[in-house]
Structure formats: structure tokens, C-alpha cells
């Protein structure tokens, strides 16, 4: 369990189910409004940022056999409550909870299960003008220029057009540590 100011970051267990339900009820992202919609029981690994007893950011991780026997999808169903950024600015590692603090927990989980793990983040291919589109068209390509990840492929994944970005763990850790002065 890591801590930054009043936020705590940790892997979730069934003991956290009540907090996850409360998170689902406190926001309106259509795919995270209930445990069933967020696929709580289907996804084997979840981690979250807590403000006290309240989850403010959550993401899952799971195997991705559709890509390869060693593939894992990280930041699955990632959602965050409004008002919970780490700061302002263009450096996503200084402002973003999921990319800075939840992703390392998930990387560790996957590499512990499988030292040969291929790690991916998926983004929806859509044109709704929302956060998902900005992540897909702006943030991921911007960080790809830093070689943190690269666009591996576009595919239909669980009936949704997705882009899969393969994480270069070493480059990711170097950039994260440099940005956070770790």
C-alpha cells in the first residue's frame, strides 16, 4: 500500500466490495454504475486510490488471451471521481492517479503472475468528444512519443473497437520516476 498526501493506493479484495459499490453509485460512467457493469467478479485484479474510506479512482487488470498467451490488459474499466487529480499541468505523472499510482500496482501484479507478461492499455476508438476520445487521440500518442508504449494494434475487443498500446515497462518506470523525482 502506497500513500501520497491524503490518498492511499492499494490492491482490492472482497473486503473492499462495499467501497466499490459506493464508488459505482457515486458516479455516472455507464460501464461502471454497478458491480455487474464494471465486471467486478469477472476481472481478477482491481486496485484503487482511497481518500479515507472512499474510493476515488479504480481500475482492473486481466489476462488478454485474444492477443497472446502472455498478454494482460491493465487499467481496465478505469474511472475516477471528478475533483481528484494530483495537480495541474501537462505532466500526466504529476496529475494522473491511474497512470502514476495504479498502473505500477497492476504492472507488479501481472509480472508476478507471469515474468514474460506483455502489458497493454486499451483505449476506445470513438468520436464522442469525451475523456475516452482525448485519451485515445491525445494522451496515448503523446506518451508514445516518449517510447513509454507503442500502438500495437486496433481490434474489436468484447464488441468494442479498441486500440491496444503495449507498455515498455522499463521506459515507463524511467519516465515515471524522473517525473516524480523518485
N, C-alpha and C. Protein backbone atom coordinates (compact mmCIF):
# COMPACT_ATOMS: atom_id res chain seq x y z
N UNK A 1 0.85 -1.17 0.00
CA UNK A 1 0.00 0.00 0.00
C UNK A 1 0.90 1.24 0.00
N UNK A 2 0.65 2.13 -0.95
CA UNK A 2 1.39 3.38 -1.04
C UNK A 2 0.49 4.53 -0.62
N UNK A 3 1.12 5.64 -0.27
CA UNK A 3 0.35 6.80 0.15
C UNK A 3 0.97 8.06 -0.43
N UNK A 4 0.10 9.00 -0.80
CA UNK A 4 0.51 10.31 -1.27
C UNK A 4 -0.45 11.32 -0.65
N UNK A 5 0.04 12.11 0.28
CA UNK A 5 -0.85 13.04 0.96
C UNK A 5 -1.98 12.28 1.64
N UNK A 6 -3.22 12.68 1.32
CA UNK A 6 -4.37 12.02 1.93
C UNK A 6 -4.85 10.81 1.14
N UNK A 7 -4.23 10.53 -0.01
CA UNK A 7 -4.64 9.39 -0.83
C UNK A 7 -3.80 8.16 -0.52
N UNK A 8 -4.47 7.00 -0.52
CA UNK A 8 -3.83 5.72 -0.33
C UNK A 8 -4.12 4.86 -1.56
N UNK A 9 -3.12 4.12 -2.03
CA UNK A 9 -3.25 3.30 -3.23
C UNK A 9 -3.02 1.85 -2.84
N UNK A 10 -3.96 0.97 -3.25
CA UNK A 10 -3.79 -0.42 -2.87
C UNK A 10 -4.57 -1.36 -3.78
N UNK A 11 -4.15 -2.63 -3.74
CA UNK A 11 -4.89 -3.69 -4.41
C UNK A 11 -6.16 -3.95 -3.61
N UNK A 12 -7.24 -4.30 -4.30
CA UNK A 12 -8.52 -4.53 -3.64
C UNK A 12 -8.77 -6.02 -3.40
N UNK A 13 -9.58 -6.30 -2.40
CA UNK A 13 -10.03 -7.65 -2.10
C UNK A 13 -11.55 -7.60 -1.97
N UNK A 14 -12.15 -8.75 -1.71
CA UNK A 14 -13.60 -8.77 -1.48
C UNK A 14 -13.99 -7.97 -0.25
N UNK A 15 -13.06 -7.74 0.65
CA UNK A 15 -13.34 -6.90 1.82
C UNK A 15 -13.62 -5.45 1.42
N UNK A 16 -13.20 -5.05 0.21
CA UNK A 16 -13.41 -3.68 -0.27
C UNK A 16 -14.68 -3.55 -1.12
N UNK A 17 -15.45 -4.61 -1.22
CA UNK A 17 -16.62 -4.63 -2.10
C UNK A 17 -17.62 -3.52 -1.77
N UNK A 18 -17.83 -3.24 -0.51
CA UNK A 18 -18.77 -2.18 -0.12
C UNK A 18 -18.29 -0.83 -0.65
N UNK A 19 -17.01 -0.55 -0.53
CA UNK A 19 -16.45 0.71 -1.04
C UNK A 19 -16.57 0.78 -2.56
N UNK A 20 -16.40 -0.35 -3.23
CA UNK A 20 -16.54 -0.38 -4.69
C UNK A 20 -17.99 -0.10 -5.09
N UNK A 21 -18.95 -0.70 -4.38
CA UNK A 21 -20.37 -0.43 -4.64
C UNK A 21 -20.68 1.05 -4.47
N UNK A 22 -20.15 1.64 -3.41
CA UNK A 22 -20.37 3.07 -3.17
C UNK A 22 -19.75 3.91 -4.29
N UNK A 23 -18.59 3.51 -4.77
CA UNK A 23 -17.97 4.21 -5.89
C UNK A 23 -18.89 4.13 -7.11
N UNK A 24 -19.39 2.93 -7.41
CA UNK A 24 -20.27 2.75 -8.56
C UNK A 24 -21.50 3.65 -8.47
N UNK A 25 -22.04 3.79 -7.29
CA UNK A 25 -23.24 4.59 -7.10
C UNK A 25 -22.96 6.09 -7.09
N UNK A 26 -21.69 6.47 -6.97
CA UNK A 26 -21.37 7.89 -6.84
C UNK A 26 -20.98 8.56 -8.14
N UNK A 27 -20.94 7.82 -9.21
CA UNK A 27 -20.56 8.42 -10.50
C UNK A 27 -21.50 7.91 -11.58
N UNK A 28 -21.36 8.48 -12.78
CA UNK A 28 -22.34 8.14 -13.82
C UNK A 28 -21.71 7.61 -15.10
N UNK A 29 -20.51 7.05 -15.04
CA UNK A 29 -19.94 6.41 -16.23
C UNK A 29 -20.72 5.14 -16.48
N UNK A 30 -21.30 5.00 -17.65
CA UNK A 30 -22.27 3.93 -17.91
C UNK A 30 -21.71 2.53 -17.68
N UNK A 31 -20.42 2.33 -17.90
CA UNK A 31 -19.91 0.97 -17.73
C UNK A 31 -19.41 0.70 -16.31
N UNK A 32 -19.60 1.63 -15.39
CA UNK A 32 -19.14 1.43 -14.01
C UNK A 32 -20.20 1.78 -12.98
N UNK A 33 -21.47 1.73 -13.34
CA UNK A 33 -22.51 2.13 -12.40
C UNK A 33 -22.97 1.01 -11.48
N UNK A 34 -22.44 -0.19 -11.66
CA UNK A 34 -22.74 -1.31 -10.77
C UNK A 34 -21.59 -2.30 -10.82
N UNK A 35 -21.55 -3.17 -9.83
CA UNK A 35 -20.51 -4.21 -9.83
C UNK A 35 -20.63 -5.08 -11.08
N UNK A 36 -21.85 -5.36 -11.50
CA UNK A 36 -22.05 -6.20 -12.68
C UNK A 36 -21.53 -5.49 -13.93
N UNK A 37 -21.87 -4.21 -14.10
CA UNK A 37 -21.43 -3.48 -15.29
C UNK A 37 -19.92 -3.30 -15.33
N UNK A 38 -19.31 -3.15 -14.18
CA UNK A 38 -17.86 -2.97 -14.19
C UNK A 38 -17.13 -4.31 -14.25
N UNK A 39 -17.89 -5.41 -14.16
CA UNK A 39 -17.34 -6.77 -14.25
C UNK A 39 -16.44 -7.10 -13.06
N UNK A 40 -16.88 -6.69 -11.87
CA UNK A 40 -16.13 -6.92 -10.64
C UNK A 40 -15.76 -8.40 -10.47
N UNK A 41 -16.74 -9.29 -10.62
CA UNK A 41 -16.47 -10.71 -10.40
C UNK A 41 -15.68 -11.35 -11.53
N UNK A 42 -15.80 -10.83 -12.73
CA UNK A 42 -15.09 -11.38 -13.89
C UNK A 42 -13.62 -11.00 -13.90
N UNK A 43 -13.32 -9.78 -13.54
CA UNK A 43 -11.95 -9.27 -13.59
C UNK A 43 -11.19 -9.73 -12.33
N UNK A 44 -10.04 -10.38 -12.50
CA UNK A 44 -9.37 -10.98 -11.33
C UNK A 44 -8.60 -10.02 -10.44
N UNK A 45 -8.29 -8.80 -10.91
CA UNK A 45 -7.46 -7.92 -10.11
C UNK A 45 -7.96 -6.48 -10.22
N UNK A 46 -8.13 -5.86 -9.07
CA UNK A 46 -8.56 -4.46 -9.00
C UNK A 46 -7.64 -3.71 -8.04
N UNK A 47 -7.41 -2.45 -8.33
CA UNK A 47 -6.72 -1.59 -7.37
C UNK A 47 -7.40 -0.23 -7.41
N UNK A 48 -7.14 0.55 -6.36
CA UNK A 48 -7.86 1.81 -6.23
C UNK A 48 -7.07 2.82 -5.42
N UNK A 49 -7.47 4.06 -5.59
CA UNK A 49 -7.00 5.16 -4.75
C UNK A 49 -8.13 5.48 -3.78
N UNK A 50 -7.79 5.58 -2.51
CA UNK A 50 -8.75 5.89 -1.46
C UNK A 50 -8.47 7.26 -0.88
N UNK A 51 -9.53 7.99 -0.60
CA UNK A 51 -9.47 9.19 0.22
C UNK A 51 -10.21 8.80 1.50
N UNK A 52 -9.46 8.43 2.51
CA UNK A 52 -10.08 7.86 3.70
C UNK A 52 -10.64 6.50 3.36
N UNK A 53 -11.93 6.30 3.57
CA UNK A 53 -12.59 5.03 3.26
C UNK A 53 -13.24 5.04 1.88
N UNK A 54 -13.16 6.16 1.19
CA UNK A 54 -13.85 6.36 -0.09
C UNK A 54 -12.92 6.13 -1.27
N UNK A 55 -13.34 5.27 -2.20
CA UNK A 55 -12.60 5.07 -3.44
C UNK A 55 -12.82 6.29 -4.33
N UNK A 56 -11.74 6.83 -4.84
CA UNK A 56 -11.84 7.99 -5.74
C UNK A 56 -11.34 7.66 -7.15
N UNK A 57 -10.62 6.56 -7.29
CA UNK A 57 -10.14 6.12 -8.59
C UNK A 57 -9.97 4.61 -8.53
N UNK A 58 -10.35 3.92 -9.62
CA UNK A 58 -10.32 2.46 -9.62
C UNK A 58 -9.97 1.97 -11.02
N UNK A 59 -9.32 0.81 -11.08
CA UNK A 59 -9.02 0.19 -12.37
C UNK A 59 -8.77 -1.30 -12.15
N UNK A 60 -9.11 -2.09 -13.15
CA UNK A 60 -8.90 -3.54 -13.09
C UNK A 60 -7.80 -3.98 -14.05
N UNK A 61 -7.42 -5.23 -13.92
CA UNK A 61 -6.42 -5.84 -14.80
C UNK A 61 -6.81 -7.30 -15.02
N UNK A 62 -6.59 -7.78 -16.23
CA UNK A 62 -6.93 -9.17 -16.54
C UNK A 62 -6.07 -9.70 -17.67
N UNK A 63 -6.04 -11.02 -17.77
CA UNK A 63 -5.34 -11.66 -18.88
C UNK A 63 -6.07 -11.30 -20.17
N UNK A 64 -5.33 -11.32 -21.28
CA UNK A 64 -5.90 -10.95 -22.58
C UNK A 64 -5.50 -12.00 -23.62
N UNK A 65 -6.06 -13.20 -23.52
CA UNK A 65 -5.66 -14.28 -24.42
C UNK A 65 -6.01 -14.01 -25.88
N UNK A 66 -6.89 -13.04 -26.14
CA UNK A 66 -7.22 -12.69 -27.52
C UNK A 66 -6.00 -12.12 -28.25
N UNK A 67 -5.01 -11.65 -27.51
CA UNK A 67 -3.81 -11.06 -28.10
C UNK A 67 -2.66 -12.06 -28.09
N UNK A 68 -2.40 -12.68 -26.93
CA UNK A 68 -1.36 -13.71 -26.83
C UNK A 68 -1.50 -14.41 -25.49
N UNK A 69 -0.85 -15.57 -25.33
CA UNK A 69 -0.93 -16.28 -24.04
C UNK A 69 -0.29 -15.51 -22.89
N UNK A 70 0.56 -14.53 -23.20
CA UNK A 70 1.25 -13.75 -22.17
C UNK A 70 0.69 -12.34 -22.00
N UNK A 71 -0.40 -12.02 -22.68
CA UNK A 71 -0.91 -10.65 -22.68
C UNK A 71 -1.81 -10.37 -21.47
N UNK A 72 -1.68 -9.14 -20.96
CA UNK A 72 -2.51 -8.65 -19.86
C UNK A 72 -2.99 -7.24 -20.22
N UNK A 73 -4.23 -6.97 -19.89
CA UNK A 73 -4.83 -5.66 -20.11
C UNK A 73 -4.90 -4.94 -18.77
N UNK A 74 -4.28 -3.78 -18.72
CA UNK A 74 -4.23 -3.00 -17.49
C UNK A 74 -5.11 -1.76 -17.61
N UNK A 75 -5.46 -1.18 -16.50
CA UNK A 75 -6.34 -0.01 -16.41
C UNK A 75 -7.72 -0.28 -17.02
N UNK A 76 -8.18 -1.53 -16.92
CA UNK A 76 -9.50 -1.93 -17.40
C UNK A 76 -10.57 -1.25 -16.54
N UNK A 77 -11.57 -0.73 -17.20
CA UNK A 77 -12.69 -0.03 -16.55
C UNK A 77 -12.21 1.10 -15.63
N UNK A 78 -11.09 1.70 -15.97
CA UNK A 78 -10.56 2.78 -15.16
C UNK A 78 -11.54 3.94 -15.06
N UNK A 79 -11.78 4.38 -13.86
CA UNK A 79 -12.68 5.52 -13.63
C UNK A 79 -12.20 6.29 -12.41
N UNK A 80 -12.48 7.56 -12.43
CA UNK A 80 -12.05 8.44 -11.35
C UNK A 80 -13.12 9.49 -11.09
N UNK A 81 -13.33 9.79 -9.83
CA UNK A 81 -14.30 10.82 -9.48
C UNK A 81 -13.77 12.20 -9.85
N UNK A 82 -14.65 13.10 -10.26
CA UNK A 82 -14.22 14.48 -10.56
C UNK A 82 -13.60 15.12 -9.32
N UNK A 83 -12.64 15.98 -9.56
CA UNK A 83 -12.02 16.72 -8.48
C UNK A 83 -10.85 16.01 -7.82
N UNK A 84 -10.49 14.85 -8.32
CA UNK A 84 -9.38 14.10 -7.73
C UNK A 84 -8.23 13.95 -8.71
N UNK A 85 -7.60 15.05 -9.02
CA UNK A 85 -6.34 15.00 -9.74
C UNK A 85 -5.26 15.37 -8.75
N UNK A 86 -4.04 15.05 -9.10
CA UNK A 86 -2.93 15.31 -8.19
C UNK A 86 -2.39 16.73 -8.31
N UNK A 87 -2.83 17.45 -9.32
CA UNK A 87 -2.36 18.80 -9.55
C UNK A 87 -2.76 19.26 -10.93
N UNK A 88 -2.15 20.33 -11.37
CA UNK A 88 -2.42 20.84 -12.71
C UNK A 88 -1.12 20.86 -13.50
N UNK A 89 -1.26 20.84 -14.80
CA UNK A 89 -0.08 20.88 -15.65
C UNK A 89 -0.18 19.85 -16.75
N UNK A 90 0.85 19.79 -17.55
CA UNK A 90 0.85 18.90 -18.71
C UNK A 90 1.49 17.55 -18.41
N UNK A 91 2.18 17.42 -17.30
CA UNK A 91 2.86 16.18 -16.98
C UNK A 91 1.87 15.22 -16.33
N UNK A 92 1.45 14.22 -17.08
CA UNK A 92 0.43 13.28 -16.62
C UNK A 92 0.87 12.53 -15.37
N UNK A 93 2.16 12.37 -15.18
CA UNK A 93 2.64 11.67 -13.99
C UNK A 93 2.48 12.53 -12.74
N UNK A 94 2.43 13.82 -12.90
CA UNK A 94 2.25 14.70 -11.75
C UNK A 94 0.78 15.01 -11.51
N UNK A 95 -0.09 14.66 -12.46
CA UNK A 95 -1.50 14.98 -12.32
C UNK A 95 -2.40 13.75 -12.28
N UNK A 96 -1.96 12.64 -12.85
CA UNK A 96 -2.84 11.49 -13.03
C UNK A 96 -2.65 10.38 -12.03
N UNK A 97 -3.69 10.04 -11.33
CA UNK A 97 -3.66 8.96 -10.34
C UNK A 97 -3.45 7.61 -11.01
N UNK A 98 -4.21 7.32 -12.06
CA UNK A 98 -4.16 5.99 -12.65
C UNK A 98 -2.81 5.68 -13.28
N UNK A 99 -2.32 6.59 -14.11
CA UNK A 99 -1.04 6.32 -14.78
C UNK A 99 0.14 6.39 -13.82
N UNK A 100 0.04 7.17 -12.77
CA UNK A 100 1.17 7.33 -11.84
C UNK A 100 1.17 6.34 -10.70
N UNK A 101 0.00 5.95 -10.20
CA UNK A 101 -0.04 5.16 -8.97
C UNK A 101 -0.77 3.83 -9.08
N UNK A 102 -1.80 3.74 -9.91
CA UNK A 102 -2.49 2.45 -10.05
C UNK A 102 -1.77 1.54 -11.05
N UNK A 103 -1.28 2.12 -12.13
CA UNK A 103 -0.60 1.31 -13.14
C UNK A 103 0.60 0.54 -12.57
N UNK A 104 1.45 1.14 -11.74
CA UNK A 104 2.56 0.34 -11.18
C UNK A 104 2.11 -0.86 -10.34
N UNK A 105 1.01 -0.71 -9.64
CA UNK A 105 0.47 -1.83 -8.85
C UNK A 105 0.05 -2.95 -9.79
N UNK A 106 -0.57 -2.58 -10.91
CA UNK A 106 -1.03 -3.59 -11.87
C UNK A 106 0.13 -4.23 -12.62
N UNK A 107 1.14 -3.43 -12.96
CA UNK A 107 2.33 -3.99 -13.61
C UNK A 107 2.96 -5.04 -12.71
N UNK A 108 3.10 -4.72 -11.44
CA UNK A 108 3.68 -5.65 -10.48
C UNK A 108 2.84 -6.93 -10.38
N UNK A 109 1.52 -6.78 -10.35
CA UNK A 109 0.64 -7.95 -10.28
C UNK A 109 0.86 -8.86 -11.48
N UNK A 110 0.84 -8.30 -12.68
CA UNK A 110 0.97 -9.11 -13.90
C UNK A 110 2.35 -9.76 -13.99
N UNK A 111 3.39 -9.01 -13.69
CA UNK A 111 4.74 -9.57 -13.80
C UNK A 111 5.02 -10.61 -12.70
N UNK A 112 4.34 -10.51 -11.58
CA UNK A 112 4.45 -11.53 -10.55
C UNK A 112 3.80 -12.83 -11.02
N UNK A 113 2.66 -12.73 -11.69
CA UNK A 113 1.99 -13.91 -12.23
C UNK A 113 2.76 -14.51 -13.39
N UNK A 114 3.34 -13.64 -14.22
CA UNK A 114 3.98 -14.10 -15.44
C UNK A 114 5.14 -13.17 -15.78
N UNK A 115 6.37 -13.57 -15.47
CA UNK A 115 7.52 -12.71 -15.76
C UNK A 115 7.68 -12.37 -17.24
N UNK A 116 7.02 -13.12 -18.13
CA UNK A 116 7.08 -12.85 -19.57
C UNK A 116 5.86 -12.06 -20.04
N UNK A 117 5.14 -11.46 -19.11
CA UNK A 117 3.90 -10.76 -19.44
C UNK A 117 4.12 -9.65 -20.46
N UNK A 118 3.20 -9.58 -21.40
CA UNK A 118 3.11 -8.46 -22.34
C UNK A 118 1.97 -7.59 -21.82
N UNK A 119 2.27 -6.33 -21.55
CA UNK A 119 1.30 -5.48 -20.87
C UNK A 119 0.72 -4.44 -21.81
N UNK A 120 -0.61 -4.30 -21.75
CA UNK A 120 -1.33 -3.41 -22.65
C UNK A 120 -2.30 -2.52 -21.90
N UNK A 121 -2.52 -1.36 -22.47
CA UNK A 121 -3.63 -0.48 -22.10
C UNK A 121 -4.48 -0.37 -23.34
N UNK A 122 -5.79 -0.47 -23.18
CA UNK A 122 -6.67 -0.31 -24.34
C UNK A 122 -7.40 1.03 -24.24
N UNK A 123 -7.66 1.60 -25.40
CA UNK A 123 -8.47 2.82 -25.46
C UNK A 123 -9.58 2.60 -26.47
N UNK A 124 -10.76 3.11 -26.15
CA UNK A 124 -11.89 3.01 -27.07
C UNK A 124 -11.65 3.91 -28.27
N UNK A 125 -11.96 3.38 -29.44
CA UNK A 125 -11.92 4.18 -30.65
C UNK A 125 -13.33 4.73 -30.84
N UNK A 126 -13.50 5.99 -30.55
CA UNK A 126 -14.81 6.60 -30.70
C UNK A 126 -14.63 8.08 -31.03
N UNK A 127 -15.71 8.72 -31.32
CA UNK A 127 -15.64 10.15 -31.62
C UNK A 127 -16.70 10.91 -30.82
N UNK A 128 -16.79 10.55 -29.53
CA UNK A 128 -17.83 11.17 -28.70
C UNK A 128 -17.38 12.49 -28.08
N UNK A 129 -16.11 12.86 -28.30
CA UNK A 129 -15.63 14.13 -27.76
C UNK A 129 -15.33 14.11 -26.28
N UNK A 130 -15.45 12.96 -25.64
CA UNK A 130 -15.25 12.87 -24.20
C UNK A 130 -13.84 12.50 -23.81
N UNK A 131 -13.71 12.11 -22.52
CA UNK A 131 -12.40 11.75 -21.97
C UNK A 131 -11.77 10.58 -22.70
N UNK A 132 -12.59 9.61 -23.08
CA UNK A 132 -12.07 8.44 -23.77
C UNK A 132 -11.44 8.83 -25.10
N UNK A 133 -12.09 9.71 -25.81
CA UNK A 133 -11.54 10.16 -27.10
C UNK A 133 -10.24 10.94 -26.89
N UNK A 134 -10.18 11.79 -25.90
CA UNK A 134 -8.94 12.54 -25.63
C UNK A 134 -7.81 11.60 -25.23
N UNK A 135 -8.12 10.59 -24.45
CA UNK A 135 -7.10 9.62 -24.06
C UNK A 135 -6.58 8.90 -25.31
N UNK A 136 -7.48 8.48 -26.17
CA UNK A 136 -7.13 7.72 -27.36
C UNK A 136 -6.37 8.57 -28.38
N UNK A 137 -6.78 9.79 -28.57
CA UNK A 137 -6.23 10.61 -29.65
C UNK A 137 -5.14 11.58 -29.22
N UNK A 138 -5.06 11.88 -27.91
CA UNK A 138 -4.08 12.87 -27.46
C UNK A 138 -3.06 12.27 -26.49
N UNK A 139 -3.54 11.79 -25.34
CA UNK A 139 -2.63 11.37 -24.28
C UNK A 139 -1.79 10.15 -24.66
N UNK A 140 -2.41 9.13 -25.19
CA UNK A 140 -1.65 7.92 -25.52
C UNK A 140 -0.63 8.19 -26.62
N UNK A 141 -1.00 8.87 -27.72
CA UNK A 141 0.02 9.17 -28.73
C UNK A 141 1.13 10.09 -28.20
N UNK A 142 0.78 11.03 -27.34
CA UNK A 142 1.79 11.93 -26.78
C UNK A 142 2.82 11.14 -25.97
N UNK A 143 2.36 10.23 -25.13
CA UNK A 143 3.28 9.43 -24.34
C UNK A 143 3.98 8.37 -25.17
N UNK A 144 3.38 7.97 -26.29
CA UNK A 144 4.05 7.04 -27.20
C UNK A 144 5.30 7.70 -27.80
N UNK A 145 5.27 9.01 -27.99
CA UNK A 145 6.45 9.72 -28.49
C UNK A 145 7.61 9.61 -27.52
N UNK A 146 7.32 9.40 -26.24
CA UNK A 146 8.36 9.23 -25.22
C UNK A 146 8.76 7.76 -25.10
N UNK A 147 8.18 6.92 -25.96
CA UNK A 147 8.50 5.48 -26.02
C UNK A 147 8.04 4.71 -24.78
N UNK A 148 7.10 5.28 -24.03
CA UNK A 148 6.56 4.60 -22.85
C UNK A 148 5.72 3.41 -23.29
N UNK A 149 5.05 3.56 -24.40
CA UNK A 149 4.29 2.49 -25.03
C UNK A 149 4.21 2.78 -26.50
N UNK A 150 3.72 1.78 -27.22
CA UNK A 150 3.52 1.97 -28.65
C UNK A 150 2.20 1.34 -29.04
N UNK A 151 1.62 1.91 -30.07
CA UNK A 151 0.37 1.37 -30.58
C UNK A 151 0.68 0.04 -31.24
N UNK A 152 0.14 -1.02 -30.69
CA UNK A 152 0.41 -2.36 -31.18
C UNK A 152 -0.59 -2.76 -32.26
N UNK A 153 -1.88 -2.49 -32.00
CA UNK A 153 -2.90 -2.87 -32.97
C UNK A 153 -4.24 -2.24 -32.61
N UNK A 154 -5.12 -2.24 -33.59
CA UNK A 154 -6.52 -1.89 -33.37
C UNK A 154 -7.31 -3.17 -33.58
N UNK A 155 -8.31 -3.37 -32.76
CA UNK A 155 -9.10 -4.59 -32.85
C UNK A 155 -10.47 -4.39 -32.20
N UNK A 156 -11.36 -5.30 -32.50
CA UNK A 156 -12.64 -5.34 -31.80
C UNK A 156 -12.41 -6.23 -30.58
N UNK A 157 -12.59 -5.65 -29.41
CA UNK A 157 -12.36 -6.37 -28.17
C UNK A 157 -13.65 -6.31 -27.36
N UNK A 158 -14.25 -7.45 -27.15
CA UNK A 158 -15.53 -7.53 -26.44
C UNK A 158 -16.57 -6.60 -27.10
N UNK A 159 -16.62 -6.66 -28.41
CA UNK A 159 -17.60 -5.93 -29.24
C UNK A 159 -17.38 -4.42 -29.26
N UNK A 160 -16.21 -3.96 -28.89
CA UNK A 160 -15.92 -2.53 -28.88
C UNK A 160 -14.62 -2.28 -29.66
N UNK A 161 -14.63 -1.36 -30.62
CA UNK A 161 -13.38 -1.04 -31.32
C UNK A 161 -12.38 -0.43 -30.32
N UNK A 162 -11.19 -1.01 -30.28
CA UNK A 162 -10.17 -0.61 -29.32
C UNK A 162 -8.82 -0.45 -30.00
N UNK A 163 -7.99 0.38 -29.40
CA UNK A 163 -6.57 0.42 -29.74
C UNK A 163 -5.83 -0.19 -28.56
N UNK A 164 -4.84 -1.02 -28.87
CA UNK A 164 -4.03 -1.63 -27.82
C UNK A 164 -2.63 -1.03 -27.86
N UNK A 165 -2.24 -0.50 -26.72
CA UNK A 165 -0.95 0.16 -26.55
C UNK A 165 -0.09 -0.74 -25.68
N UNK A 166 1.03 -1.21 -26.22
CA UNK A 166 1.91 -2.10 -25.46
C UNK A 166 2.89 -1.27 -24.64
N UNK A 167 2.92 -1.56 -23.35
CA UNK A 167 3.73 -0.80 -22.40
C UNK A 167 5.18 -1.31 -22.44
N UNK A 168 6.11 -0.39 -22.54
CA UNK A 168 7.53 -0.69 -22.34
C UNK A 168 7.80 -0.39 -20.87
N UNK A 169 7.80 -1.43 -20.05
CA UNK A 169 7.86 -1.26 -18.60
C UNK A 169 9.10 -0.47 -18.19
N UNK A 170 10.23 -0.78 -18.76
CA UNK A 170 11.46 -0.08 -18.37
C UNK A 170 11.35 1.41 -18.69
N UNK A 171 10.89 1.76 -19.88
CA UNK A 171 10.76 3.17 -20.26
C UNK A 171 9.69 3.86 -19.41
N UNK A 172 8.59 3.15 -19.16
CA UNK A 172 7.53 3.71 -18.32
C UNK A 172 8.09 4.05 -16.93
N UNK A 173 8.78 3.09 -16.32
CA UNK A 173 9.31 3.31 -14.97
C UNK A 173 10.33 4.44 -14.96
N UNK A 174 11.19 4.50 -15.97
CA UNK A 174 12.17 5.59 -16.05
C UNK A 174 11.49 6.95 -16.12
N UNK A 175 10.50 7.07 -17.00
CA UNK A 175 9.80 8.35 -17.18
C UNK A 175 9.00 8.71 -15.93
N UNK A 176 8.33 7.74 -15.35
CA UNK A 176 7.55 7.98 -14.12
C UNK A 176 8.48 8.44 -12.99
N UNK A 177 9.55 7.71 -12.79
CA UNK A 177 10.48 8.06 -11.71
C UNK A 177 11.12 9.42 -11.92
N UNK A 178 11.47 9.74 -13.17
CA UNK A 178 12.05 11.04 -13.48
C UNK A 178 11.03 12.15 -13.20
N UNK A 179 9.82 11.95 -13.66
CA UNK A 179 8.77 12.96 -13.48
C UNK A 179 8.41 13.18 -12.02
N UNK A 180 8.42 12.11 -11.24
CA UNK A 180 8.03 12.21 -9.82
C UNK A 180 9.22 12.38 -8.90
N UNK A 181 10.41 12.51 -9.47
CA UNK A 181 11.65 12.68 -8.67
C UNK A 181 11.82 11.54 -7.68
N UNK A 182 11.61 10.33 -8.15
CA UNK A 182 11.76 9.14 -7.29
C UNK A 182 13.15 8.57 -7.48
